[in-house]
Amino acid sequence: MLSKKLIAPIAFIFLLAAFPCGCKKTPTTNTIDPPSQQSITITCSPNSGGPDTIITIAALIAKNSQEIRVFGFDGTFDTKMFQFQGVVKGSLTGNWAAVDGNEASPGELKVGGFVGSGTPVATNSSGTLVELKFKVTGQTYGNDQQSQICIRAYTDDISAFTPNPACTTFTLKK
């Protein structure tokens, strides 16, 4: 008769042989896509020009994970290169109650908007949130001088957007 010490190991080997585990000889891999990043970028049009050129800085968003009903951000610019002219509603905020901005101090902007009775920006949208207008001055700079305009400190429904800050570069041509 088999000893009690041998019964457990023999039973274990029998179970492995009779009921093989679900392991495969060739492993498979599954790709897990990371969640999409809510992004904000800014573009400068034109990205070069001489004094008195009016440039447009467009704040573009993509892949928002929730509706946007209100937003805000700060902006910075070189007062020796640019003079702030104003704000224009973007393609995504055209029917909003308010989209506005002001120069809180030299070279520092406060920009924001709210939907009011307009249409919120739908989830997973892509387009322009707002456009900032500047006049190129650049009188004290030489040809090919570059200057950045940046937005940062996003608030409300865009607070999780990246990158923070987002910047664009303008080149002075004389």
C-alpha atoms as a PDB file:
ATOM      1  CA  MET A   1       0.000   0.000   0.000  1.00  0.00           C
ATOM      2  CA  LEU A   2       1.198   3.473  -0.823  1.00  0.00           C
ATOM      3  CA  SER A   3       2.202   5.637   2.035  1.00  0.00           C
ATOM      4  CA  LYS A   4       0.230   8.756   2.795  1.00  0.00           C
ATOM      5  CA  LYS A   5       3.287  10.864   1.893  1.00  0.00           C
ATOM      6  CA  LEU A   6       3.181   9.619  -1.713  1.00  0.00           C
ATOM      7  CA  ILE A   7      -0.563  10.003  -2.321  1.00  0.00           C
ATOM      8  CA  ALA A   8      -0.558  13.833  -2.425  1.00  0.00           C
ATOM      9  CA  PRO A   9       2.285  14.193  -4.980  1.00  0.00           C
ATOM     10  CA  ILE A  10       0.877  11.407  -7.198  1.00  0.00           C
ATOM     11  CA  ALA A  11      -2.584  13.007  -7.068  1.00  0.00           C
ATOM     12  CA  PHE A  12      -1.051  16.377  -8.039  1.00  0.00           C
ATOM     13  CA  ILE A  13       0.777  14.858 -11.032  1.00  0.00           C
ATOM     14  CA  PHE A  14      -2.418  13.055 -12.076  1.00  0.00           C
ATOM     15  CA  LEU A  15      -4.398  16.313 -11.945  1.00  0.00           C
ATOM     16  CA  LEU A  16      -1.806  18.138 -14.070  1.00  0.00           C
ATOM     17  CA  ALA A  17      -1.819  15.362 -16.658  1.00  0.00           C
ATOM     18  CA  ALA A  18      -5.588  14.953 -16.733  1.00  0.00           C
ATOM     19  CA  PHE A  19      -6.492  18.666 -16.643  1.00  0.00           C
ATOM     20  CA  PRO A  20      -3.754  20.705 -18.299  1.00  0.00           C
ATOM     21  CA  CYS A  21      -3.707  24.378 -17.455  1.00  0.00           C
ATOM     22  CA  GLY A  22      -4.813  26.935 -20.008  1.00  0.00           C
ATOM     23  CA  CYS A  23      -1.231  27.992 -20.752  1.00  0.00           C
ATOM     24  CA  LYS A  24      -0.279  28.267 -24.385  1.00  0.00           C
ATOM     25  CA  LYS A  25       3.038  27.293 -25.869  1.00  0.00           C
ATOM     26  CA  THR A  26       3.125  30.595 -27.732  1.00  0.00           C
ATOM     27  CA  PRO A  27       2.272  33.596 -25.566  1.00  0.00           C
ATOM     28  CA  THR A  28       0.011  36.268 -26.973  1.00  0.00           C
ATOM     29  CA  THR A  29       0.205  39.970 -26.345  1.00  0.00           C
ATOM     30  CA  ASN A  30      -2.525  42.526 -26.076  1.00  0.00           C
ATOM     31  CA  THR A  31      -1.925  46.150 -26.888  1.00  0.00           C
ATOM     32  CA  ILE A  32      -3.559  48.591 -24.532  1.00  0.00           C
ATOM     33  CA  ASP A  33      -3.971  52.022 -26.012  1.00  0.00           C
ATOM     34  CA  PRO A  34      -3.322  54.793 -23.512  1.00  0.00           C
ATOM     35  CA  PRO A  35      -6.181  57.235 -23.035  1.00  0.00           C
ATOM     36  CA  SER A  36      -6.092  60.050 -25.544  1.00  0.00           C
ATOM     37  CA  GLN A  37      -4.535  63.267 -24.327  1.00  0.00           C
ATOM     38  CA  GLN A  38      -6.608  66.407 -24.283  1.00  0.00           C
ATOM     39  CA  SER A  39      -4.397  68.846 -26.093  1.00  0.00           C
ATOM     40  CA  ILE A  40      -4.148  72.540 -26.752  1.00  0.00           C
ATOM     41  CA  THR A  41      -1.796  74.075 -29.293  1.00  0.00           C
ATOM     42  CA  ILE A  42      -1.303  77.579 -30.561  1.00  0.00           C
ATOM     43  CA  THR A  43      -0.351  78.677 -34.038  1.00  0.00           C
ATOM     44  CA  CYS A  44       0.871  81.997 -35.373  1.00  0.00           C
ATOM     45  CA  SER A  45      -0.331  83.302 -38.733  1.00  0.00           C
ATOM     46  CA  PRO A  46       1.682  84.674 -40.345  1.00  0.00           C
ATOM     47  CA  ASN A  47       4.699  83.388 -38.412  1.00  0.00           C
ATOM     48  CA  SER A  48       6.964  86.129 -39.761  1.00  0.00           C
ATOM     49  CA  GLY A  49       6.537  89.695 -40.912  1.00  0.00           C
ATOM     50  CA  GLY A  50       7.554  93.295 -40.512  1.00  0.00           C
ATOM     51  CA  PRO A  51       6.370  96.116 -38.280  1.00  0.00           C
ATOM     52  CA  ASP A  52       2.634  96.875 -38.501  1.00  0.00           C
ATOM     53  CA  THR A  53       1.816  93.265 -39.482  1.00  0.00           C
ATOM     54  CA  ILE A  54      -1.321  91.967 -37.730  1.00  0.00           C
ATOM     55  CA  ILE A  55      -0.842  88.384 -36.553  1.00  0.00           C
ATOM     56  CA  THR A  56      -3.413  85.876 -35.335  1.00  0.00           C
ATOM     57  CA  ILE A  57      -2.639  83.417 -32.570  1.00  0.00           C
ATOM     58  CA  ALA A  58      -5.163  80.571 -32.738  1.00  0.00           C
ATOM     59  CA  ALA A  59      -5.720  78.395 -29.641  1.00  0.00           C
ATOM     60  CA  LEU A  60      -6.671  74.972 -31.010  1.00  0.00           C
ATOM     61  CA  ILE A  61      -8.004  72.101 -28.918  1.00  0.00           C
ATOM     62  CA  ALA A  62      -8.367  68.381 -29.576  1.00  0.00           C
ATOM     63  CA  LYS A  63      -9.737  65.294 -27.812  1.00  0.00           C
ATOM     64  CA  ASN A  64     -11.554  67.003 -24.947  1.00  0.00           C
ATOM     65  CA  SER A  65     -12.953  64.323 -22.627  1.00  0.00           C
ATOM     66  CA  GLN A  66     -15.902  66.425 -21.470  1.00  0.00           C
ATOM     67  CA  GLU A  67     -18.054  69.245 -22.786  1.00  0.00           C
ATOM     68  CA  ILE A  68     -16.492  72.679 -22.576  1.00  0.00           C
ATOM     69  CA  ARG A  69     -18.861  75.320 -21.213  1.00  0.00           C
ATOM     70  CA  VAL A  70     -16.353  77.717 -19.682  1.00  0.00           C
ATOM     71  CA  PHE A  71     -12.597  78.214 -20.069  1.00  0.00           C
ATOM     72  CA  GLY A  72      -9.803  80.532 -19.077  1.00  0.00           C
ATOM     73  CA  PHE A  73      -6.062  80.902 -19.488  1.00  0.00           C
ATOM     74  CA  ASP A  74      -3.237  83.398 -19.122  1.00  0.00           C
ATOM     75  CA  GLY A  75      -1.052  84.567 -21.969  1.00  0.00           C
ATOM     76  CA  THR A  76       2.399  86.127 -22.174  1.00  0.00           C
ATOM     77  CA  PHE A  77       4.059  88.125 -24.931  1.00  0.00           C
ATOM     78  CA  ASP A  78       6.984  90.483 -25.516  1.00  0.00           C
ATOM     79  CA  THR A  79       5.767  94.082 -25.349  1.00  0.00           C
ATOM     80  CA  LYS A  80       8.792  95.257 -27.367  1.00  0.00           C
ATOM     81  CA  MET A  81       7.665  93.022 -30.260  1.00  0.00           C
ATOM     82  CA  PHE A  82       3.850  93.053 -30.042  1.00  0.00           C
ATOM     83  CA  GLN A  83       0.904  95.241 -29.159  1.00  0.00           C
ATOM     84  CA  PHE A  84      -2.227  93.338 -28.075  1.00  0.00           C
ATOM     85  CA  GLN A  85      -5.212  94.162 -30.310  1.00  0.00           C
ATOM     86  CA  GLY A  86      -8.028  91.922 -29.073  1.00  0.00           C
ATOM     87  CA  VAL A  87      -9.787  88.562 -29.027  1.00  0.00           C
ATOM     88  CA  VAL A  88     -12.034  86.866 -31.599  1.00  0.00           C
ATOM     89  CA  LYS A  89     -14.312  83.871 -30.954  1.00  0.00           C
ATOM     90  CA  GLY A  90     -13.089  80.611 -32.457  1.00  0.00           C
ATOM     91  CA  SER A  91     -14.818  78.051 -34.665  1.00  0.00           C
ATOM     92  CA  LEU A  92     -15.950  76.128 -31.557  1.00  0.00           C
ATOM     93  CA  THR A  93     -17.155  79.178 -29.602  1.00  0.00           C
ATOM     94  CA  GLY A  94     -18.785  81.293 -32.318  1.00  0.00           C
ATOM     95  CA  ASN A  95     -22.241  81.316 -30.695  1.00  0.00           C
ATOM     96  CA  TRP A  96     -21.073  81.630 -27.079  1.00  0.00           C
ATOM     97  CA  ALA A  97     -22.352  84.440 -24.868  1.00  0.00           C
ATOM     98  CA  ALA A  98     -18.848  85.754 -24.249  1.00  0.00           C
ATOM     99  CA  VAL A  99     -15.250  85.151 -25.279  1.00  0.00           C
ATOM    100  CA  ASP A 100     -12.950  87.989 -24.307  1.00  0.00           C
ATOM    101  CA  GLY A 101      -9.497  88.932 -23.133  1.00  0.00           C
ATOM    102  CA  ASN A 102      -7.570  91.868 -21.794  1.00  0.00           C
ATOM    103  CA  GLU A 103      -4.043  92.900 -21.015  1.00  0.00           C
ATOM    104  CA  ALA A 104      -3.977  92.639 -17.227  1.00  0.00           C
ATOM    105  CA  SER A 105      -0.469  94.113 -17.107  1.00  0.00           C
ATOM    106  CA  PRO A 106       2.130  94.776 -19.804  1.00  0.00           C
ATOM    107  CA  GLY A 107       2.814  91.494 -21.604  1.00  0.00           C
ATOM    108  CA  GLU A 108       0.257  89.530 -19.509  1.00  0.00           C
ATOM    109  CA  LEU A 109      -3.162  88.493 -20.849  1.00  0.00           C
ATOM    110  CA  LYS A 110      -6.271  87.095 -19.179  1.00  0.00           C
ATOM    111  CA  VAL A 111      -8.509  85.268 -21.662  1.00  0.00           C
ATOM    112  CA  GLY A 112     -11.758  83.395 -21.086  1.00  0.00           C
ATOM    113  CA  GLY A 113     -15.223  82.560 -22.242  1.00  0.00           C
ATOM    114  CA  PHE A 114     -18.538  81.009 -21.221  1.00  0.00           C
ATOM    115  CA  VAL A 115     -21.277  79.323 -23.213  1.00  0.00           C
ATOM    116  CA  GLY A 116     -24.342  81.166 -21.830  1.00  0.00           C
ATOM    117  CA  SER A 117     -27.256  80.142 -24.081  1.00  0.00           C
ATOM    118  CA  GLY A 118     -24.874  79.066 -26.868  1.00  0.00           C
ATOM    119  CA  THR A 119     -23.753  75.536 -27.711  1.00  0.00           C
ATOM    120  CA  PRO A 120     -21.122  73.840 -25.513  1.00  0.00           C
ATOM    121  CA  VAL A 121     -18.066  72.378 -27.213  1.00  0.00           C
ATOM    122  CA  ALA A 122     -18.953  68.696 -27.636  1.00  0.00           C
ATOM    123  CA  THR A 123     -16.791  65.901 -26.268  1.00  0.00           C
ATOM    124  CA  ASN A 124     -13.878  64.850 -28.507  1.00  0.00           C
ATOM    125  CA  SER A 125     -13.982  68.042 -30.595  1.00  0.00           C
ATOM    126  CA  SER A 126     -11.177  69.598 -32.589  1.00  0.00           C
ATOM    127  CA  GLY A 127     -11.038  73.234 -33.592  1.00  0.00           C
ATOM    128  CA  THR A 128     -10.302  76.786 -32.569  1.00  0.00           C
ATOM    129  CA  LEU A 129     -11.331  77.917 -29.105  1.00  0.00           C
ATOM    130  CA  VAL A 130     -10.225  81.537 -29.475  1.00  0.00           C
ATOM    131  CA  GLU A 131      -8.025  83.787 -31.614  1.00  0.00           C
ATOM    132  CA  LEU A 132      -5.736  86.463 -30.201  1.00  0.00           C
ATOM    133  CA  LYS A 133      -4.786  89.420 -32.407  1.00  0.00           C
ATOM    134  CA  PHE A 134      -1.486  91.298 -32.142  1.00  0.00           C
ATOM    135  CA  LYS A 135       0.155  94.115 -34.051  1.00  0.00           C
ATOM    136  CA  VAL A 136       3.891  93.687 -34.653  1.00  0.00           C
ATOM    137  CA  THR A 137       5.897  96.672 -33.420  1.00  0.00           C
ATOM    138  CA  GLY A 138       9.444  95.336 -33.083  1.00  0.00           C
ATOM    139  CA  GLN A 139      10.984  98.755 -33.717  1.00  0.00           C
ATOM    140  CA  THR A 140      13.891  98.165 -31.310  1.00  0.00           C
ATOM    141  CA  TYR A 141      14.730  94.712 -32.707  1.00  0.00           C
ATOM    142  CA  GLY A 142      16.814  93.773 -35.702  1.00  0.00           C
ATOM    143  CA  ASN A 143      15.959  91.537 -38.651  1.00  0.00           C
ATOM    144  CA  ASP A 144      15.247  87.859 -37.838  1.00  0.00           C
ATOM    145  CA  GLN A 145      14.630  88.557 -34.137  1.00  0.00           C
ATOM    146  CA  GLN A 146      12.373  85.818 -32.754  1.00  0.00           C
ATOM    147  CA  SER A 147       9.803  86.193 -30.014  1.00  0.00           C
ATOM    148  CA  GLN A 148       7.415  83.738 -28.349  1.00  0.00           C
ATOM    149  CA  ILE A 149       3.778  84.073 -27.386  1.00  0.00           C
ATOM    150  CA  CYS A 150       2.630  81.518 -24.811  1.00  0.00           C
ATOM    151  CA  ILE A 151      -0.579  80.497 -23.064  1.00  0.00           C
ATOM    152  CA  ARG A 152      -0.643  78.783 -19.672  1.00  0.00           C
ATOM    153  CA  ALA A 153      -2.541  78.343 -16.407  1.00  0.00           C
ATOM    154  CA  TYR A 154      -5.613  76.771 -18.010  1.00  0.00           C
ATOM    155  CA  THR A 155      -8.748  76.888 -15.868  1.00  0.00           C
ATOM    156  CA  ASP A 156     -12.296  75.560 -15.695  1.00  0.00           C
ATOM    157  CA  ASP A 157     -13.162  72.975 -18.378  1.00  0.00           C
ATOM    158  CA  ILE A 158      -9.691  73.052 -19.998  1.00  0.00           C
ATOM    159  CA  SER A 159      -7.646  72.768 -16.787  1.00  0.00           C
ATOM    160  CA  ALA A 160      -6.384  69.245 -17.665  1.00  0.00           C
ATOM    161  CA  PHE A 161      -5.208  70.130 -21.181  1.00  0.00           C
ATOM    162  CA  THR A 162      -1.561  69.748 -22.185  1.00  0.00           C
ATOM    163  CA  PRO A 163       1.001  71.031 -22.882  1.00  0.00           C
ATOM    164  CA  ASN A 164       1.021  73.737 -20.277  1.00  0.00           C
ATOM    165  CA  PRO A 165       2.384  76.156 -21.410  1.00  0.00           C
ATOM    166  CA  ALA A 166       1.797  76.067 -25.155  1.00  0.00           C
ATOM    167  CA  CYS A 167       3.951  78.458 -27.188  1.00  0.00           C
ATOM    168  CA  THR A 168       4.486  79.655 -30.740  1.00  0.00           C
ATOM    169  CA  THR A 169       7.279  81.705 -32.283  1.00  0.00           C
ATOM    170  CA  PHE A 170       7.187  84.762 -34.525  1.00  0.00           C
ATOM    171  CA  THR A 171      10.181  86.027 -36.557  1.00  0.00           C
ATOM    172  CA  LEU A 172      10.559  89.739 -37.294  1.00  0.00           C
ATOM    173  CA  LYS A 173      11.475  90.579 -40.897  1.00  0.00           C
ATOM    174  CA  LYS A 174      12.672  94.090 -41.670  1.00  0.00           C
END
